[in-house]
Amino acid sequence: MGAKAGVGALGLVLLAILVFLAVSSWSRQPAGAKPSIQPINFPHRVHVQTYKIDCQYCHSDARRSEYAGLPSVQRCMGCHRIAGAALPEVKKVADYYARGEPIPWVRVNKLPEFTYFPHKAHIRASVTCQTCHGPVETMMTFGAETGPRLTNDLLTLVGLRPAPPPLTMGWCLDCHRRQNATAGAHAPLDCVTCHH
């Protein structure tokens, strides 16, 4: 009877661990989200590949701020008063402009509140946008699948070291370590660099 009780207790402990991991994984704020419905179907591919517009033209806060920022509707209309004015999506931009309203973009990348990520430090270190955000220039609609995953937590629990998902702490630390080892960079590894 003692062996059966031991197996039952072990099973209960394992179940409790799995429930804890599942809850903790879901309760953490993911770094990003799957592609969401946007008010304007913005074609990154057209702007970046066809017209060769640099990321920082629209996301101008990236070089001086924590946030990359989004272009104002006035910046969009700077080009679209003439270029593509008859296109349905550009007409939506023009409607926001005429009403004096900003475009209510739906946020795609979101880091947890306790995390600080300065875009400007990465821009100054010549880290390309694609390093973190993927091949945005090939995307019609920007989307990201990032953040903690239960499968990674479980594999780590059993002693394996799976590659961390993009825009997670492990992924960022791996990148900093790689840059320090191969590029002679001095990417910080201190906790207070990103956590305040």
Protein backbone atom coordinates (compact mmCIF):
# COMPACT_ATOMS: atom_id res chain seq x y z
CA MET A 1 0.00 0.00 0.00
CA GLY A 2 2.94 2.34 0.68
CA ALA A 3 4.20 2.05 -2.92
CA LYS A 4 0.78 2.95 -4.35
CA ALA A 5 0.54 5.97 -2.06
CA GLY A 6 4.04 7.06 -3.14
CA VAL A 7 3.15 6.79 -6.84
CA GLY A 8 -0.09 8.67 -6.23
CA ALA A 9 1.72 11.42 -4.34
CA LEU A 10 4.35 11.68 -7.09
CA GLY A 11 1.60 11.93 -9.70
CA LEU A 12 -0.10 14.66 -7.70
CA VAL A 13 3.16 16.60 -7.39
CA LEU A 14 3.81 16.30 -11.14
CA LEU A 15 0.28 17.44 -11.89
CA ALA A 16 0.71 20.42 -9.55
CA ILE A 17 3.97 21.35 -11.32
CA LEU A 18 2.32 21.16 -14.74
CA VAL A 19 -0.62 23.29 -13.58
CA PHE A 20 1.80 25.81 -12.06
CA LEU A 21 3.83 26.01 -15.29
CA ALA A 22 0.73 26.39 -17.41
CA VAL A 23 -0.69 29.15 -15.21
CA SER A 24 2.64 30.97 -14.90
CA SER A 25 3.23 30.76 -18.64
CA TRP A 26 -0.22 32.11 -19.46
CA SER A 27 -0.08 34.80 -16.81
CA ARG A 28 3.14 36.32 -18.12
CA GLN A 29 2.61 39.11 -20.58
CA PRO A 30 3.76 37.85 -23.98
CA ALA A 31 6.27 39.98 -25.84
CA GLY A 32 4.13 40.03 -28.93
CA ALA A 33 0.94 38.91 -30.49
CA LYS A 34 -0.21 37.16 -33.61
CA PRO A 35 -1.14 39.39 -36.54
CA SER A 36 -4.14 41.43 -35.59
CA ILE A 37 -6.76 43.23 -37.58
CA GLN A 38 -5.54 46.76 -38.21
CA PRO A 39 -7.69 49.76 -39.17
CA ILE A 40 -5.56 50.16 -42.31
CA ASN A 41 -4.14 47.21 -44.21
CA PHE A 42 -0.62 48.64 -44.28
CA PRO A 43 1.63 46.88 -46.81
CA HIS A 44 5.16 46.97 -45.37
CA ARG A 45 6.39 45.04 -48.42
CA VAL A 46 5.27 47.79 -50.82
CA HIS A 47 6.71 50.64 -48.75
CA VAL A 48 10.04 48.94 -47.97
CA GLN A 49 10.78 46.81 -51.04
CA THR A 50 9.09 48.74 -53.82
CA TYR A 51 9.63 52.32 -52.64
CA LYS A 52 12.78 51.69 -50.52
CA ILE A 53 11.46 53.68 -47.54
CA ASP A 54 13.71 53.19 -44.51
CA CYS A 55 12.04 51.86 -41.35
CA GLN A 56 13.06 54.98 -39.44
CA TYR A 57 11.22 57.30 -41.81
CA CYS A 58 7.92 56.06 -40.38
CA HIS A 59 9.23 54.81 -37.02
CA SER A 60 11.28 57.92 -36.35
CA ASP A 61 11.24 57.62 -32.56
CA ALA A 62 13.38 54.45 -32.74
CA ARG A 63 16.64 56.40 -32.88
CA ARG A 64 15.87 58.53 -29.81
CA SER A 65 13.41 56.63 -27.64
CA GLU A 66 12.39 53.43 -25.91
CA TYR A 67 9.55 53.08 -28.41
CA ALA A 68 9.89 52.98 -32.17
CA GLY A 69 6.67 54.94 -32.51
CA LEU A 70 4.20 55.09 -35.34
CA PRO A 71 3.92 57.75 -38.02
CA SER A 72 1.35 60.45 -37.59
CA VAL A 73 -1.48 60.54 -40.07
CA GLN A 74 0.05 63.83 -41.28
CA ARG A 75 3.30 62.02 -42.16
CA CYS A 76 1.34 59.40 -44.11
CA MET A 77 -0.54 62.09 -45.98
CA GLY A 78 2.73 63.83 -46.83
CA CYS A 79 3.16 61.20 -49.54
CA HIS A 80 -0.40 59.99 -49.98
CA ARG A 81 -1.98 63.33 -50.90
CA ILE A 82 -0.65 62.40 -54.33
CA ALA A 83 0.77 58.87 -54.30
CA GLY A 84 -1.91 56.19 -54.35
CA ALA A 85 -4.67 58.65 -53.43
CA ALA A 86 -7.30 56.56 -55.25
CA LEU A 87 -6.48 53.32 -53.41
CA PRO A 88 -9.12 52.18 -50.86
CA GLU A 89 -6.66 51.88 -47.96
CA VAL A 90 -5.17 55.30 -48.70
CA LYS A 91 -8.70 56.74 -48.75
CA LYS A 92 -9.10 55.41 -45.18
CA VAL A 93 -5.91 57.27 -44.20
CA ALA A 94 -7.28 60.41 -45.86
CA ASP A 95 -10.53 60.04 -43.88
CA TYR A 96 -8.61 59.95 -40.58
CA TYR A 97 -6.62 62.98 -41.75
CA ALA A 98 -9.78 64.90 -42.71
CA ARG A 99 -11.33 64.19 -39.30
CA GLY A 100 -8.11 65.19 -37.52
CA GLU A 101 -7.92 61.78 -35.83
CA PRO A 102 -4.88 59.55 -35.38
CA ILE A 103 -5.03 56.08 -36.92
CA PRO A 104 -5.94 53.69 -34.07
CA TRP A 105 -3.28 51.06 -34.80
CA VAL A 106 -3.48 47.83 -32.80
CA ARG A 107 -0.23 47.12 -30.96
CA VAL A 108 1.60 44.01 -32.12
CA ASN A 109 4.82 43.90 -30.07
CA LYS A 110 4.36 44.28 -26.33
CA LEU A 111 6.96 43.63 -23.68
CA PRO A 112 6.03 43.03 -20.05
CA GLU A 113 5.59 46.18 -17.95
CA PHE A 114 8.68 45.40 -15.85
CA THR A 115 10.91 45.36 -18.93
CA TYR A 116 12.75 48.28 -20.50
CA PHE A 117 13.79 47.96 -24.13
CA PRO A 118 15.51 50.97 -25.66
CA HIS A 119 15.26 50.95 -29.44
CA LYS A 120 17.79 53.78 -29.60
CA ALA A 121 20.60 51.69 -28.07
CA HIS A 122 20.04 48.98 -30.67
CA ILE A 123 19.90 51.49 -33.54
CA ARG A 124 23.18 53.05 -32.34
CA ALA A 125 24.73 49.55 -32.22
CA SER A 126 23.67 49.05 -35.87
CA VAL A 127 21.24 46.24 -35.04
CA THR A 128 18.85 46.00 -37.96
CA CYS A 129 15.11 46.04 -37.37
CA GLN A 130 14.89 42.58 -38.95
CA THR A 131 17.13 41.11 -36.24
CA CYS A 132 14.28 41.38 -33.72
CA HIS A 133 11.18 41.87 -35.86
CA GLY A 134 11.88 39.40 -38.65
CA PRO A 135 11.70 40.09 -42.39
CA VAL A 136 9.22 42.96 -42.14
CA GLU A 137 10.11 44.03 -45.67
CA THR A 138 8.50 40.83 -47.01
CA MET A 139 5.30 41.14 -44.96
CA MET A 140 2.08 42.56 -46.28
CA THR A 141 0.76 42.81 -42.72
CA PHE A 142 3.13 42.91 -39.79
CA GLY A 143 2.72 40.16 -37.25
CA ALA A 144 4.81 38.48 -34.62
CA GLU A 145 4.67 35.26 -32.69
CA THR A 146 6.77 35.81 -29.63
CA GLY A 147 6.78 35.47 -25.90
CA PRO A 148 6.91 32.67 -23.34
CA ARG A 149 5.72 29.22 -24.37
CA LEU A 150 4.65 26.34 -22.17
CA THR A 151 6.55 23.82 -24.31
CA ASN A 152 9.80 25.70 -23.73
CA ASP A 153 9.10 25.76 -19.98
CA LEU A 154 8.46 22.02 -19.92
CA LEU A 155 11.56 21.18 -21.99
CA THR A 156 13.67 23.34 -19.70
CA LEU A 157 12.14 21.63 -16.68
CA VAL A 158 13.34 18.20 -17.89
CA GLY A 159 16.87 19.51 -18.50
CA LEU A 160 16.77 20.32 -22.22
CA ARG A 161 17.64 23.79 -23.48
CA PRO A 162 15.36 24.65 -26.40
CA ALA A 163 15.99 27.83 -28.36
CA PRO A 164 14.06 30.63 -26.67
CA PRO A 165 11.23 32.24 -28.63
CA PRO A 166 11.91 35.68 -30.17
CA LEU A 167 11.68 38.75 -27.94
CA THR A 168 11.94 36.82 -24.70
CA MET A 169 14.62 37.36 -22.06
CA GLY A 170 16.55 34.22 -23.05
CA TRP A 171 16.48 35.18 -26.72
CA CYS A 172 17.78 38.69 -25.98
CA LEU A 173 20.52 37.38 -23.67
CA ASP A 174 21.62 34.82 -26.28
CA CYS A 175 21.89 37.63 -28.83
CA HIS A 176 23.89 39.84 -26.44
CA ARG A 177 26.26 36.96 -25.62
CA ARG A 178 26.68 36.15 -29.34
CA GLN A 179 27.41 39.81 -30.17
CA ASN A 180 29.93 40.05 -27.34
CA ALA A 181 31.69 36.85 -28.45
CA THR A 182 31.70 37.35 -32.22
CA ALA A 183 31.39 41.06 -32.94
CA GLY A 184 33.48 42.41 -30.09
CA ALA A 185 30.45 44.30 -28.82
CA HIS A 186 29.82 45.25 -25.22
CA ALA A 187 26.13 44.35 -25.09
CA PRO A 188 25.11 44.49 -21.42
CA LEU A 189 24.17 41.34 -19.53
CA ASP A 190 23.20 43.01 -16.23
CA CYS A 191 19.63 42.51 -15.01
CA VAL A 192 19.15 46.25 -14.40
CA THR A 193 19.78 46.95 -18.09
CA CYS A 194 16.31 45.72 -18.96
CA HIS A 195 14.53 45.40 -15.61
CA HIS A 196 13.80 48.44 -13.50
